[in-house]
């Protein structure tokens, strides 16, 4: 599998894992002092190879493991959404490759049939698939797509252009124009995350940075509470006003960076509350 991989900086290895329908460009702005930061595009995303029929969690986990094995040393993982579930699963199954894992609003329970059926984001992914197909068919350029997205509603009283950084909008435009649309089919049919294991132990430190329930969190408080019995060692910090893509938001990017940096430096995220 040919994957687009980039590394910058020096020091402790850190691997960044983007969300579904995204790309590694979502982290183009991020540098961490004292760390060698590697980012890559999952299969079917961005500049990586397409692989129809292999767009489920286990395949993305295989992508991450292949990159980790090429780093030559265990790495910290930082993953958003799908990337967070991949980080969780890699830490479960190949803990010798992982030093710690930072999960940004991970949909850990959304692969369960009942949770998938009730997930309000699924219809939005159906709309996104149709829109992406049109963009790709028209061969629109990134600037035009980014401008169109900037004008769309994001939250009450705000457009996406007001809520998201310019880098985030550009990264999203690139991602949608270069996405294998079958990826979104696996989101809609519920098979993308069906293999998620939320009961087995994760033997490395894990911190979760969650979005606000009212903002459409993929890891809502109800899911946080479910983690109590099986993984009491995991720490959770919630940003009530933040949306699902915390690192993309103008109002919350600095908080994301602060929490991530603190965790990578060996501590819990600031003001973290243990799930116990």
Protein backbone atom coordinates (compact mmCIF):
# COMPACT_ATOMS: atom_id res chain seq x y z
CA UNK A 1 0.00 0.00 0.00
CA UNK A 2 1.53 3.32 -1.11
CA UNK A 3 0.93 5.95 1.55
CA UNK A 4 1.76 9.65 1.50
CA UNK A 5 4.00 10.22 4.56
CA UNK A 6 5.75 13.35 5.83
CA UNK A 7 7.97 13.93 8.89
CA UNK A 8 9.23 17.18 10.36
CA UNK A 9 11.13 18.15 13.49
CA UNK A 10 13.33 15.99 15.68
CA UNK A 11 13.02 14.22 19.00
CA UNK A 12 10.36 11.86 20.34
CA UNK A 13 8.37 10.27 17.51
CA UNK A 14 4.73 11.38 17.26
CA UNK A 15 2.31 10.00 14.67
CA UNK A 16 -0.75 12.07 13.72
CA UNK A 17 -3.87 10.26 12.48
CA UNK A 18 -6.56 12.25 10.66
CA UNK A 19 -10.29 11.63 10.57
CA UNK A 20 -12.50 10.04 7.93
CA UNK A 21 -12.82 12.10 4.73
CA UNK A 22 -9.84 14.18 5.86
CA UNK A 23 -6.13 14.08 5.16
CA UNK A 24 -2.81 14.75 6.84
CA UNK A 25 -3.08 18.38 5.69
CA UNK A 26 -5.38 18.96 8.64
CA UNK A 27 -2.19 18.95 10.74
CA UNK A 28 -0.01 21.03 8.40
CA UNK A 29 0.07 23.85 10.99
CA UNK A 30 1.08 21.66 13.93
CA UNK A 31 4.65 21.45 15.23
CA UNK A 32 5.57 20.12 18.67
CA UNK A 33 8.82 21.17 20.31
CA UNK A 34 11.15 18.26 20.96
CA UNK A 35 9.19 15.89 18.73
CA UNK A 36 9.62 14.34 15.30
CA UNK A 37 6.09 14.66 13.97
CA UNK A 38 4.95 12.26 11.25
CA UNK A 39 1.66 12.65 9.43
CA UNK A 40 0.25 10.53 6.62
CA UNK A 41 -2.87 10.04 4.53
CA UNK A 42 -4.90 6.89 5.17
CA UNK A 43 -5.65 4.70 2.15
CA UNK A 44 -8.33 6.22 -0.07
CA UNK A 45 -7.58 9.67 1.33
CA UNK A 46 -5.48 12.59 0.12
CA UNK A 47 -2.41 11.56 -1.86
CA UNK A 48 -2.33 7.94 -0.68
CA UNK A 49 -3.26 4.99 -2.88
CA UNK A 50 -6.88 3.98 -3.28
CA UNK A 51 -7.86 0.47 -2.25
CA UNK A 52 -11.56 -0.23 -2.91
CA UNK A 53 -13.02 -2.86 -0.63
CA UNK A 54 -10.60 -2.09 2.21
CA UNK A 55 -12.02 0.94 3.97
CA UNK A 56 -12.77 -0.40 7.42
CA UNK A 57 -11.10 0.08 10.79
CA UNK A 58 -8.84 -2.95 10.50
CA UNK A 59 -7.41 -1.65 7.22
CA UNK A 60 -6.66 1.79 8.63
CA UNK A 61 -5.05 0.15 11.65
CA UNK A 62 -2.82 -1.77 9.24
CA UNK A 63 -1.83 1.53 7.59
CA UNK A 64 -0.87 3.05 10.95
CA UNK A 65 1.10 -0.03 11.98
CA UNK A 66 3.04 -0.01 8.72
CA UNK A 67 4.04 3.62 9.30
CA UNK A 68 4.94 2.98 12.94
CA UNK A 69 7.14 0.03 12.01
CA UNK A 70 9.01 2.30 9.62
CA UNK A 71 9.78 4.87 12.33
CA UNK A 72 12.24 2.59 14.08
CA UNK A 73 11.09 3.47 17.60
CA UNK A 74 7.83 3.47 19.57
CA UNK A 75 5.79 6.62 19.02
CA UNK A 76 3.10 8.68 20.68
CA UNK A 77 -0.17 8.68 18.75
CA UNK A 78 -2.54 11.61 18.33
CA UNK A 79 -5.71 10.86 16.40
CA UNK A 80 -8.88 12.73 15.51
CA UNK A 81 -12.22 10.94 15.12
CA UNK A 82 -11.48 7.83 13.02
CA UNK A 83 -7.80 8.49 13.73
CA UNK A 84 -8.57 8.36 17.43
CA UNK A 85 -10.22 4.95 17.10
CA UNK A 86 -7.23 3.77 15.06
CA UNK A 87 -4.87 5.03 17.77
CA UNK A 88 -6.92 3.24 20.44
CA UNK A 89 -6.89 -0.02 18.47
CA UNK A 90 -3.18 0.10 17.64
CA UNK A 91 -2.42 0.73 21.32
CA UNK A 92 -4.57 -2.29 22.21
CA UNK A 93 -3.12 -4.69 19.67
CA UNK A 94 0.48 -3.49 19.21
CA UNK A 95 1.38 -1.68 22.44
CA UNK A 96 5.10 -2.22 21.85
CA UNK A 97 4.83 0.35 19.04
CA UNK A 98 3.09 2.99 21.17
CA UNK A 99 4.25 5.14 24.08
CA UNK A 100 0.94 6.97 24.69
CA UNK A 101 -2.23 7.90 22.82
CA UNK A 102 -4.16 11.19 22.63
CA UNK A 103 -7.66 10.84 21.19
CA UNK A 104 -9.63 13.84 19.91
CA UNK A 105 -13.39 13.25 20.14
CA UNK A 106 -13.13 9.57 19.11
CA UNK A 107 -16.32 7.73 18.08
CA UNK A 108 -15.36 4.69 20.16
CA UNK A 109 -18.91 3.37 20.46
CA UNK A 110 -20.36 4.52 17.14
CA UNK A 111 -19.56 1.19 15.47
CA UNK A 112 -22.22 -0.56 17.55
CA UNK A 113 -25.39 -1.14 15.49
CA UNK A 114 -27.69 0.67 17.90
CA UNK A 115 -25.34 3.66 18.23
CA UNK A 116 -24.89 3.82 14.46
CA UNK A 117 -28.64 3.77 13.88
CA UNK A 118 -29.09 6.69 16.28
CA UNK A 119 -26.05 8.68 15.11
CA UNK A 120 -27.26 12.05 13.78
CA UNK A 121 -24.05 12.45 11.76
CA UNK A 122 -24.88 9.61 9.37
CA UNK A 123 -27.38 11.61 7.25
CA UNK A 124 -24.80 14.40 7.07
CA UNK A 125 -22.30 11.94 5.62
CA UNK A 126 -24.87 10.99 2.98
CA UNK A 127 -25.17 14.64 2.01
CA UNK A 128 -21.38 14.97 2.05
CA UNK A 129 -21.02 12.02 -0.32
CA UNK A 130 -23.39 13.53 -2.86
CA UNK A 131 -21.70 16.92 -2.61
CA UNK A 132 -18.21 15.43 -2.94
CA UNK A 133 -19.24 13.42 -5.98
CA UNK A 134 -20.46 16.63 -7.61
CA UNK A 135 -17.27 18.52 -6.77
CA UNK A 136 -15.10 15.76 -8.18
CA UNK A 137 -17.22 15.39 -11.32
CA UNK A 138 -16.99 19.13 -11.99
CA UNK A 139 -13.24 19.10 -11.25
CA UNK A 140 -13.58 22.15 -9.03
CA UNK A 141 -10.39 23.70 -7.70
CA UNK A 142 -9.54 23.77 -4.01
CA UNK A 143 -10.01 27.52 -3.62
CA UNK A 144 -13.56 27.41 -4.98
CA UNK A 145 -14.50 24.47 -2.76
CA UNK A 146 -12.97 26.13 0.32
CA UNK A 147 -14.87 29.35 -0.38
CA UNK A 148 -18.12 27.44 -0.77
CA UNK A 149 -17.58 25.58 2.51
CA UNK A 150 -16.71 28.83 4.30
CA UNK A 151 -20.19 30.17 3.52
CA UNK A 152 -21.99 27.13 4.92
CA UNK A 153 -23.64 27.12 8.38
CA UNK A 154 -21.45 25.61 11.08
CA UNK A 155 -23.27 26.33 14.34
CA UNK A 156 -26.06 28.73 15.31
CA UNK A 157 -24.98 32.21 14.35
CA UNK A 158 -21.72 31.18 12.71
CA UNK A 159 -20.61 30.14 9.25
CA UNK A 160 -17.82 27.63 8.74
CA UNK A 161 -15.61 30.49 7.62
CA UNK A 162 -16.14 32.22 10.96
CA UNK A 163 -15.69 29.05 13.03
CA UNK A 164 -12.85 27.26 11.25
CA UNK A 165 -9.33 28.38 10.45
CA UNK A 166 -8.34 29.15 6.88
CA UNK A 167 -5.92 26.19 6.97
CA UNK A 168 -8.75 23.90 8.04
CA UNK A 169 -11.00 24.98 5.17
CA UNK A 170 -8.20 24.54 2.63
CA UNK A 171 -7.37 21.11 4.07
CA UNK A 172 -11.01 20.03 3.90
CA UNK A 173 -11.32 21.16 0.30
CA UNK A 174 -8.23 19.16 -0.68
CA UNK A 175 -9.48 16.12 1.20
CA UNK A 176 -12.94 16.04 -0.40
CA UNK A 177 -11.54 16.54 -3.90
CA UNK A 178 -9.13 13.64 -3.44
CA UNK A 179 -11.31 11.21 -1.50
CA UNK A 180 -12.35 7.78 -2.73
CA UNK A 181 -16.11 8.13 -2.23
CA UNK A 182 -16.39 4.49 -1.23
CA UNK A 183 -14.90 5.59 2.09
CA UNK A 184 -18.12 7.45 2.85
CA UNK A 185 -20.20 4.41 1.88
CA UNK A 186 -18.54 2.51 4.72
CA UNK A 187 -19.47 5.31 7.12
CA UNK A 188 -23.09 5.28 5.99
CA UNK A 189 -23.54 1.49 6.06
CA UNK A 190 -22.01 1.24 9.54
CA UNK A 191 -19.16 -1.09 8.67
CA UNK A 192 -16.33 1.44 9.09
CA UNK A 193 -16.07 1.12 12.88
CA UNK A 194 -17.84 -2.19 13.43
CA UNK A 195 -14.63 -3.90 14.58
CA UNK A 196 -13.93 -1.41 17.40
CA UNK A 197 -13.10 -3.18 20.68
CA UNK A 198 -14.15 -1.08 23.67
CA UNK A 199 -13.68 -3.80 26.29
CA UNK A 200 -10.10 -5.10 25.97
CA UNK A 201 -7.38 -3.28 27.92
CA UNK A 202 -5.16 -0.57 26.47
CA UNK A 203 -1.80 -0.91 28.25
CA UNK A 204 -0.44 2.58 27.52
CA UNK A 205 -1.50 6.00 28.87
CA UNK A 206 -4.56 7.33 27.06
CA UNK A 207 -6.13 10.79 27.21
CA UNK A 208 -9.33 11.84 25.46
CA UNK A 209 -10.20 15.42 24.53
CA UNK A 210 -13.93 15.51 23.92
CA UNK A 211 -16.18 18.04 22.22
CA UNK A 212 -19.33 19.43 23.81
CA UNK A 213 -22.46 17.30 23.83
CA UNK A 214 -24.48 20.19 22.44
CA UNK A 215 -21.96 20.58 19.61
CA UNK A 216 -22.41 17.06 18.24
CA UNK A 217 -19.63 15.21 20.03
CA UNK A 218 -18.77 11.77 18.66
CA UNK A 219 -17.75 10.84 22.21
CA UNK A 220 -20.64 12.25 24.24
CA UNK A 221 -20.89 12.17 28.01
CA UNK A 222 -23.00 9.00 27.84
CA UNK A 223 -20.10 7.21 26.12
CA UNK A 224 -17.63 8.67 28.58
CA UNK A 225 -19.65 7.09 31.37
CA UNK A 226 -19.57 3.71 29.64
CA UNK A 227 -15.80 3.81 29.71
CA UNK A 228 -15.79 3.82 33.51
CA UNK A 229 -16.15 0.09 34.08
CA UNK A 230 -13.73 -1.12 31.42
CA UNK A 231 -11.00 1.56 31.34
CA UNK A 232 -10.89 3.60 34.56
CA UNK A 233 -7.27 4.63 33.87
CA UNK A 234 -8.22 6.71 30.82
CA UNK A 235 -8.49 10.45 31.43
CA UNK A 236 -11.09 12.64 29.75
CA UNK A 237 -11.20 16.41 29.34
CA UNK A 238 -14.27 17.95 27.71
CA UNK A 239 -14.49 21.34 26.00
CA UNK A 240 -18.23 22.14 26.20
CA UNK A 241 -18.22 24.80 23.46
CA UNK A 242 -16.06 22.89 21.00
CA UNK A 243 -17.27 20.99 17.96
CA UNK A 244 -16.11 17.60 16.74
CA UNK A 245 -13.00 18.94 14.96
CA UNK A 246 -11.48 20.75 17.92
CA UNK A 247 -8.09 21.27 16.28
CA UNK A 248 -9.74 23.02 13.29
CA UNK A 249 -11.66 25.64 15.26
CA UNK A 250 -10.42 29.18 15.69
CA UNK A 251 -11.75 29.34 19.24
CA UNK A 252 -10.31 26.02 20.39
CA UNK A 253 -7.13 25.30 18.42
CA UNK A 254 -4.91 26.77 21.12
CA UNK A 255 -6.64 24.65 23.78
CA UNK A 256 -6.13 21.55 21.63
CA UNK A 257 -2.44 22.36 21.24
CA UNK A 258 -2.04 23.00 24.97
CA UNK A 259 -3.65 19.70 25.96
CA UNK A 260 -1.75 17.70 23.35
CA UNK A 261 1.61 19.22 24.26
CA UNK A 262 1.08 18.64 27.98
CA UNK A 263 0.19 15.00 27.36
CA UNK A 264 3.18 14.42 25.09
CA UNK A 265 5.45 15.89 27.74
CA UNK A 266 4.43 13.12 30.08
CA UNK A 267 1.56 14.47 32.10
CA UNK A 268 -2.19 14.34 31.95
CA UNK A 269 -3.95 17.04 29.98
CA UNK A 270 -4.49 20.21 32.02
CA UNK A 271 -7.60 20.02 34.22
CA UNK A 272 -8.15 16.42 33.10
CA UNK A 273 -10.75 14.49 35.04
CA UNK A 274 -10.20 10.77 35.43
CA UNK A 275 -12.98 8.55 34.11
CA UNK A 276 -13.61 6.92 37.45
